[in-house]
PDB file of N, CA and C in Angstrom:
ATOM      1  N   UNK A   1     104.338  91.642 105.734  1.00  0.00           N
ATOM      2  CA  UNK A   1     103.163  92.664 105.081  1.00  0.00           C
ATOM      3  C   UNK A   1     102.164  93.075 106.482  1.00  0.00           C
ATOM      4  N   UNK A   2     101.918  93.332 107.339  1.00  0.00           N
ATOM      5  CA  UNK A   2     100.607  94.306 107.979  1.00  0.00           C
ATOM      6  C   UNK A   2      99.894  94.544 106.517  1.00  0.00           C
ATOM      7  N   UNK A   3      98.717  94.192 107.859  1.00  0.00           N
ATOM      8  CA  UNK A   3      96.847  94.790 106.943  1.00  0.00           C
ATOM      9  C   UNK A   3      96.588  96.183 107.286  1.00  0.00           C
ATOM     10  N   UNK A   4      96.661  96.968 105.863  1.00  0.00           N
ATOM     11  CA  UNK A   4      96.483  98.638 105.971  1.00  0.00           C
ATOM     12  C   UNK A   4      95.744  99.415 106.057  1.00  0.00           C
ATOM     13  N   UNK A   5      94.786 100.744 106.350  1.00  0.00           N
ATOM     14  CA  UNK A   5      93.439 100.554 107.092  1.00  0.00           C
ATOM     15  C   UNK A   5      93.638 101.499 104.441  1.00  0.00           C
ATOM     16  N   UNK A   6      92.540 100.816 104.731  1.00  0.00           N
ATOM     17  CA  UNK A   6      92.524 101.982 103.263  1.00  0.00           C
ATOM     18  C   UNK A   6      90.930 102.655 103.190  1.00  0.00           C
ATOM     19  N   UNK A   7      92.107 104.293 101.874  1.00  0.00           N
ATOM     20  CA  UNK A   7      91.005 104.837 101.823  1.00  0.00           C
ATOM     21  C   UNK A   7      91.107 105.594 100.245  1.00  0.00           C
ATOM     22  N   UNK A   8      89.942 105.222 100.476  1.00  0.00           N
ATOM     23  CA  UNK A   8      89.580 105.788  98.466  1.00  0.00           C
ATOM     24  C   UNK A   8      90.180 107.162  98.254  1.00  0.00           C
ATOM     25  N   UNK A   9      91.546 107.541  98.037  1.00  0.00           N
ATOM     26  CA  UNK A   9      91.955 109.424  97.255  1.00  0.00           C
ATOM     27  C   UNK A   9      90.585 109.673  96.396  1.00  0.00           C
ATOM     28  N   UNK A  10      89.914 111.603  96.242  1.00  0.00           N
ATOM     29  CA  UNK A  10      89.125 112.163  95.636  1.00  0.00           C
ATOM     30  C   UNK A  10      88.851 111.035  93.923  1.00  0.00           C
ATOM     31  N   UNK A  11      90.699 111.740  93.870  1.00  0.00           N
ATOM     32  CA  UNK A  11      91.088 110.802  92.338  1.00  0.00           C
ATOM     33  C   UNK A  11      90.216 109.689  91.360  1.00  0.00           C
ATOM     34  N   UNK A  12      90.300 108.255  92.386  1.00  0.00           N
ATOM     35  CA  UNK A  12      90.395 107.156  93.056  1.00  0.00           C
ATOM     36  C   UNK A  12      88.668 106.548  92.940  1.00  0.00           C
ATOM     37  N   UNK A  13      87.919 108.481  94.056  1.00  0.00           N
ATOM     38  CA  UNK A  13      86.337 107.876  94.030  1.00  0.00           C
ATOM     39  C   UNK A  13      85.397 107.972  92.717  1.00  0.00           C
ATOM     40  N   UNK A  14      86.328 109.987  92.249  1.00  0.00           N
ATOM     41  CA  UNK A  14      85.606 110.293  91.408  1.00  0.00           C
ATOM     42  C   UNK A  14      85.766 108.778  90.329  1.00  0.00           C
ATOM     43  N   UNK A  15      86.855 108.231  89.659  1.00  0.00           N
ATOM     44  CA  UNK A  15      87.024 107.779  88.385  1.00  0.00           C
ATOM     45  C   UNK A  15      86.196 105.800  88.469  1.00  0.00           C
ATOM     46  N   UNK A  16      85.541 105.674  90.304  1.00  0.00           N
ATOM     47  CA  UNK A  16      84.826 104.499  90.480  1.00  0.00           C
ATOM     48  C   UNK A  16      83.623 104.946  89.585  1.00  0.00           C
ATOM     49  N   UNK A  17      83.400 105.919  90.609  1.00  0.00           N
ATOM     50  CA  UNK A  17      82.397 106.421  90.261  1.00  0.00           C
ATOM     51  C   UNK A  17      81.283 106.992  88.446  1.00  0.00           C
ATOM     52  N   UNK A  18      82.731 107.732  87.957  1.00  0.00           N
ATOM     53  CA  UNK A  18      82.685 107.449  86.464  1.00  0.00           C
ATOM     54  C   UNK A  18      82.347 106.473  85.924  1.00  0.00           C
ATOM     55  N   UNK A  19      83.633 105.958  86.404  1.00  0.00           N
ATOM     56  CA  UNK A  19      83.261 104.040  85.026  1.00  0.00           C
ATOM     57  C   UNK A  19      81.330 103.617  85.575  1.00  0.00           C
ATOM     58  N   UNK A  20      81.606 103.787  87.012  1.00  0.00           N
ATOM     59  CA  UNK A  20      79.413 103.161  87.000  1.00  0.00           C
ATOM     60  C   UNK A  20      78.744 103.842  86.508  1.00  0.00           C
ATOM     61  N   UNK A  21      78.955 104.734  86.248  1.00  0.00           N
ATOM     62  CA  UNK A  21      78.616 106.119  85.263  1.00  0.00           C
ATOM     63  C   UNK A  21      78.667 105.636  84.260  1.00  0.00           C
ATOM     64  N   UNK A  22      79.201 105.224  83.144  1.00  0.00           N
ATOM     65  CA  UNK A  22      79.548 104.457  81.661  1.00  0.00           C
ATOM     66  C   UNK A  22      79.258 103.482  81.122  1.00  0.00           C
ATOM     67  N   UNK A  23      79.506 102.707  82.493  1.00  0.00           N
ATOM     68  CA  UNK A  23      78.841 101.522  82.149  1.00  0.00           C
ATOM     69  C   UNK A  23      77.520 100.720  83.053  1.00  0.00           C
ATOM     70  N   UNK A  24      76.758 102.034  83.356  1.00  0.00           N
ATOM     71  CA  UNK A  24      75.352 101.926  83.838  1.00  0.00           C
ATOM     72  C   UNK A  24      74.358 102.824  81.575  1.00  0.00           C
ATOM     73  N   UNK A  25      75.336 103.157  81.474  1.00  0.00           N
ATOM     74  CA  UNK A  25      74.304 103.854  80.338  1.00  0.00           C
ATOM     75  C   UNK A  25      73.567 102.662  79.730  1.00  0.00           C
ATOM     76  N   UNK A  26      74.056 100.959  78.961  1.00  0.00           N
ATOM     77  CA  UNK A  26      74.532  99.772  79.051  1.00  0.00           C
ATOM     78  C   UNK A  26      74.052  99.401  79.255  1.00  0.00           C
ATOM     79  N   UNK A  27      74.409  98.670  81.147  1.00  0.00           N
ATOM     80  CA  UNK A  27      73.760  97.590  81.581  1.00  0.00           C
ATOM     81  C   UNK A  27      74.168  98.004  82.875  1.00  0.00           C
ATOM     82  N   UNK A  28      73.441  98.536  84.098  1.00  0.00           N
ATOM     83  CA  UNK A  28      72.568  99.002  86.021  1.00  0.00           C
ATOM     84  C   UNK A  28      73.414  97.527  86.502  1.00  0.00           C
ATOM     85  N   UNK A  29      73.552  96.637  86.017  1.00  0.00           N
ATOM     86  CA  UNK A  29      73.522  94.991  87.017  1.00  0.00           C
ATOM     87  C   UNK A  29      75.532  94.368  86.332  1.00  0.00           C
ATOM     88  N   UNK A  30      75.735  95.103  86.066  1.00  0.00           N
ATOM     89  CA  UNK A  30      76.913  94.761  85.463  1.00  0.00           C
ATOM     90  C   UNK A  30      78.358  95.976  85.706  1.00  0.00           C
ATOM     91  N   UNK A  31      77.719  97.241  86.197  1.00  0.00           N
ATOM     92  CA  UNK A  31      77.999  98.346  86.859  1.00  0.00           C
ATOM     93  C   UNK A  31      78.464  98.270  87.354  1.00  0.00           C
ATOM     94  N   UNK A  32      77.265  97.759  88.870  1.00  0.00           N
ATOM     95  CA  UNK A  32      77.330  97.335  90.035  1.00  0.00           C
ATOM     96  C   UNK A  32      78.764  96.007  90.412  1.00  0.00           C
ATOM     97  N   UNK A  33      78.298  95.365  89.207  1.00  0.00           N
ATOM     98  CA  UNK A  33      79.461  94.480  89.425  1.00  0.00           C
ATOM     99  C   UNK A  33      80.410  94.631  89.542  1.00  0.00           C
ATOM    100  N   UNK A  34      80.611  95.555  88.538  1.00  0.00           N
ATOM    101  CA  UNK A  34      82.262  96.647  89.081  1.00  0.00           C
ATOM    102  C   UNK A  34      83.153  96.474  90.048  1.00  0.00           C
ATOM    103  N   UNK A  35      81.485  97.455  90.209  1.00  0.00           N
ATOM    104  CA  UNK A  35      82.093  98.621  91.557  1.00  0.00           C
ATOM    105  C   UNK A  35      82.353  97.229  92.257  1.00  0.00           C
ATOM    106  N   UNK A  36      82.032  96.456  93.219  1.00  0.00           N
ATOM    107  CA  UNK A  36      81.975  95.763  93.728  1.00  0.00           C
ATOM    108  C   UNK A  36      82.934  94.376  93.570  1.00  0.00           C
ATOM    109  N   UNK A  37      83.895  94.399  93.058  1.00  0.00           N
ATOM    110  CA  UNK A  37      84.596  93.600  92.018  1.00  0.00           C
ATOM    111  C   UNK A  37      85.817  94.726  92.371  1.00  0.00           C
ATOM    112  N   UNK A  38      85.302  95.765  92.001  1.00  0.00           N
ATOM    113  CA  UNK A  38      86.657  97.221  92.604  1.00  0.00           C
ATOM    114  C   UNK A  38      87.100  96.648  94.019  1.00  0.00           C
ATOM    115  N   UNK A  39      85.787  97.314  94.699  1.00  0.00           N
ATOM    116  CA  UNK A  39      86.556  97.485  95.975  1.00  0.00           C
ATOM    117  C   UNK A  39      86.752  96.261  96.743  1.00  0.00           C
ATOM    118  N   UNK A  40      85.862  94.803  96.863  1.00  0.00           N
ATOM    119  CA  UNK A  40      86.351  93.524  97.267  1.00  0.00           C
ATOM    120  C   UNK A  40      87.774  93.370  97.456  1.00  0.00           C
ATOM    121  N   UNK A  41      88.432  93.352  96.211  1.00  0.00           N
ATOM    122  CA  UNK A  41      90.095  93.733  95.609  1.00  0.00           C
ATOM    123  C   UNK A  41      90.331  94.330  96.216  1.00  0.00           C
ATOM    124  N   UNK A  42      90.233  95.583  95.886  1.00  0.00           N
ATOM    125  CA  UNK A  42      91.032  96.364  97.471  1.00  0.00           C
ATOM    126  C   UNK A  42      90.815  96.639  98.883  1.00  0.00           C
ATOM    127  N   UNK A  43      89.718  95.819  99.580  1.00  0.00           N
ATOM    128  CA  UNK A  43      89.383  95.158 100.515  1.00  0.00           C
ATOM    129  C   UNK A  43      90.839  94.251 101.118  1.00  0.00           C
ATOM    130  N   UNK A  44      90.353  92.858  99.831  1.00  0.00           N
ATOM    131  CA  UNK A  44      91.877  91.919 100.089  1.00  0.00           C
ATOM    132  C   UNK A  44      92.643  92.866 100.000  1.00  0.00           C
ATOM    133  N   UNK A  45      93.258  93.825  99.041  1.00  0.00           N
ATOM    134  CA  UNK A  45      95.553  94.653  98.478  1.00  0.00           C
ATOM    135  C   UNK A  45      94.389  95.304 100.138  1.00  0.00           C
ATOM    136  N   UNK A  46      94.458  95.304 101.305  1.00  0.00           N
ATOM    137  CA  UNK A  46      94.445  96.392 102.616  1.00  0.00           C
ATOM    138  C   UNK A  46      94.852  95.096 103.493  1.00  0.00           C
ATOM    139  N   UNK A  47      94.173  93.564 103.432  1.00  0.00           N
ATOM    140  CA  UNK A  47      94.319  93.761 104.049  1.00  0.00           C
ATOM    141  C   UNK A  47      96.056  92.455 103.740  1.00  0.00           C
ATOM    142  N   UNK A  48      95.483  92.150 102.472  1.00  0.00           N
ATOM    143  CA  UNK A  48      97.612  91.596 101.851  1.00  0.00           C
ATOM    144  C   UNK A  48      97.810  92.309 100.973  1.00  0.00           C
ATOM    145  N   UNK A  49      98.395  93.637 101.498  1.00  0.00           N
ATOM    146  CA  UNK A  49      99.381  94.859 100.262  1.00  0.00           C
ATOM    147  C   UNK A  49     100.069  94.051 100.167  1.00  0.00           C
ATOM    148  N   UNK A  50     100.924  92.959  99.911  1.00  0.00           N
ATOM    149  CA  UNK A  50     101.650  93.043  99.643  1.00  0.00           C
ATOM    150  C   UNK A  50     101.690  91.823  97.486  1.00  0.00           C
ATOM    151  N   UNK A  51     100.413  91.541  97.364  1.00  0.00           N
ATOM    152  CA  UNK A  51      99.348  90.753  96.364  1.00  0.00           C
ATOM    153  C   UNK A  51     100.541  91.964  96.105  1.00  0.00           C
ATOM    154  N   UNK A  52     100.097  91.407  94.013  1.00  0.00           N
ATOM    155  CA  UNK A  52     100.535  92.399  92.940  1.00  0.00           C
ATOM    156  C   UNK A  52     101.863  92.220  92.638  1.00  0.00           C
ATOM    157  N   UNK A  53     102.086  93.071  92.269  1.00  0.00           N
ATOM    158  CA  UNK A  53     103.492  94.351  90.885  1.00  0.00           C
ATOM    159  C   UNK A  53     104.039  95.250  91.285  1.00  0.00           C
ATOM    160  N   UNK A  54     105.313  95.423  91.570  1.00  0.00           N
ATOM    161  CA  UNK A  54     105.328  96.256  91.815  1.00  0.00           C
ATOM    162  C   UNK A  54     105.557  97.325  90.602  1.00  0.00           C
ATOM    163  N   UNK A  55     105.230  98.960  90.263  1.00  0.00           N
ATOM    164  CA  UNK A  55     105.411  99.711  90.205  1.00  0.00           C
ATOM    165  C   UNK A  55     106.999 100.277  90.144  1.00  0.00           C
ATOM    166  N   UNK A  56     107.163 101.602  89.107  1.00  0.00           N
ATOM    167  CA  UNK A  56     108.018 102.159  88.535  1.00  0.00           C
ATOM    168  C   UNK A  56     108.521 103.263  90.853  1.00  0.00           C
ATOM    169  N   UNK A  57     107.089 103.435  90.604  1.00  0.00           N
ATOM    170  CA  UNK A  57     106.701 104.560  92.402  1.00  0.00           C
ATOM    171  C   UNK A  57     106.613 103.794  93.387  1.00  0.00           C
ATOM    172  N   UNK A  58     107.638 104.302  94.035  1.00  0.00           N
ATOM    173  CA  UNK A  58     107.639 104.073  95.183  1.00  0.00           C
ATOM    174  C   UNK A  58     106.654 104.088  95.772  1.00  0.00           C
ATOM    175  N   UNK A  59     106.101 102.396  96.671  1.00  0.00           N
ATOM    176  CA  UNK A  59     104.986 101.951  98.260  1.00  0.00           C
ATOM    177  C   UNK A  59     104.505 101.499  96.623  1.00  0.00           C
ATOM    178  N   UNK A  60     104.208 101.258  95.625  1.00  0.00           N
ATOM    179  CA  UNK A  60     102.655 101.669  94.432  1.00  0.00           C
ATOM    180  C   UNK A  60     103.034  99.958  94.065  1.00  0.00           C
ATOM    181  N   UNK A  61     101.980  99.183  93.670  1.00  0.00           N
ATOM    182  CA  UNK A  61     101.797  98.306  94.031  1.00  0.00           C
ATOM    183  C   UNK A  61     101.392  97.887  92.807  1.00  0.00           C
ATOM    184  N   UNK A  62     100.488  96.918  91.754  1.00  0.00           N
ATOM    185  CA  UNK A  62     100.106  96.687  90.701  1.00  0.00           C
ATOM    186  C   UNK A  62      99.088  95.732  91.073  1.00  0.00           C
ATOM    187  N   UNK A  63      97.056  95.612  90.347  1.00  0.00           N
ATOM    188  CA  UNK A  63      96.532  94.770  90.946  1.00  0.00           C
ATOM    189  C   UNK A  63      95.837  94.837  90.478  1.00  0.00           C
ATOM    190  N   UNK A  64      95.688  93.358  88.767  1.00  0.00           N
ATOM    191  CA  UNK A  64      95.045  92.990  88.106  1.00  0.00           C
ATOM    192  C   UNK A  64      93.734  93.002  88.077  1.00  0.00           C
ATOM    193  N   UNK A  65      92.030  93.356  88.084  1.00  0.00           N
ATOM    194  CA  UNK A  65      91.051  93.112  89.106  1.00  0.00           C
ATOM    195  C   UNK A  65      90.357  92.311  87.324  1.00  0.00           C
ATOM    196  N   UNK A  66      90.470  90.865  87.245  1.00  0.00           N
ATOM    197  CA  UNK A  66      89.944  89.928  86.564  1.00  0.00           C
ATOM    198  C   UNK A  66      88.838  89.583  87.165  1.00  0.00           C
ATOM    199  N   UNK A  67      87.680  89.053  85.561  1.00  0.00           N
ATOM    200  CA  UNK A  67      88.114  89.764  83.950  1.00  0.00           C
ATOM    201  C   UNK A  67      88.415  91.497  84.174  1.00  0.00           C
ATOM    202  N   UNK A  68      88.221  92.221  84.559  1.00  0.00           N
ATOM    203  CA  UNK A  68      88.122  93.520  84.152  1.00  0.00           C
ATOM    204  C   UNK A  68      89.019  94.432  83.929  1.00  0.00           C
ATOM    205  N   UNK A  69      89.099  95.360  82.803  1.00  0.00           N
ATOM    206  CA  UNK A  69      90.257  96.294  82.009  1.00  0.00           C
ATOM    207  C   UNK A  69      90.786  96.925  83.361  1.00  0.00           C
ATOM    208  N   UNK A  70      90.336  97.477  84.458  1.00  0.00           N
ATOM    209  CA  UNK A  70      90.245  99.183  85.156  1.00  0.00           C
ATOM    210  C   UNK A  70      91.273  98.544  86.242  1.00  0.00           C
TER     211      UNK A  70
END
């Protein structure tokens, strides 16, 4: 598979922002670490779109972001 251009859907952006806000209530540094990890894995998936496992939705793959359950 060829690399793809990464675009975050509106809902994905708001989910990431909400996740950051939620975690930041307890630990601002941890919130930044989680968001950076999500973004770095997103870039990895854009470069290698075949990574992860297929889902029931055509063209959608799942790739867990270790060690976080997001």
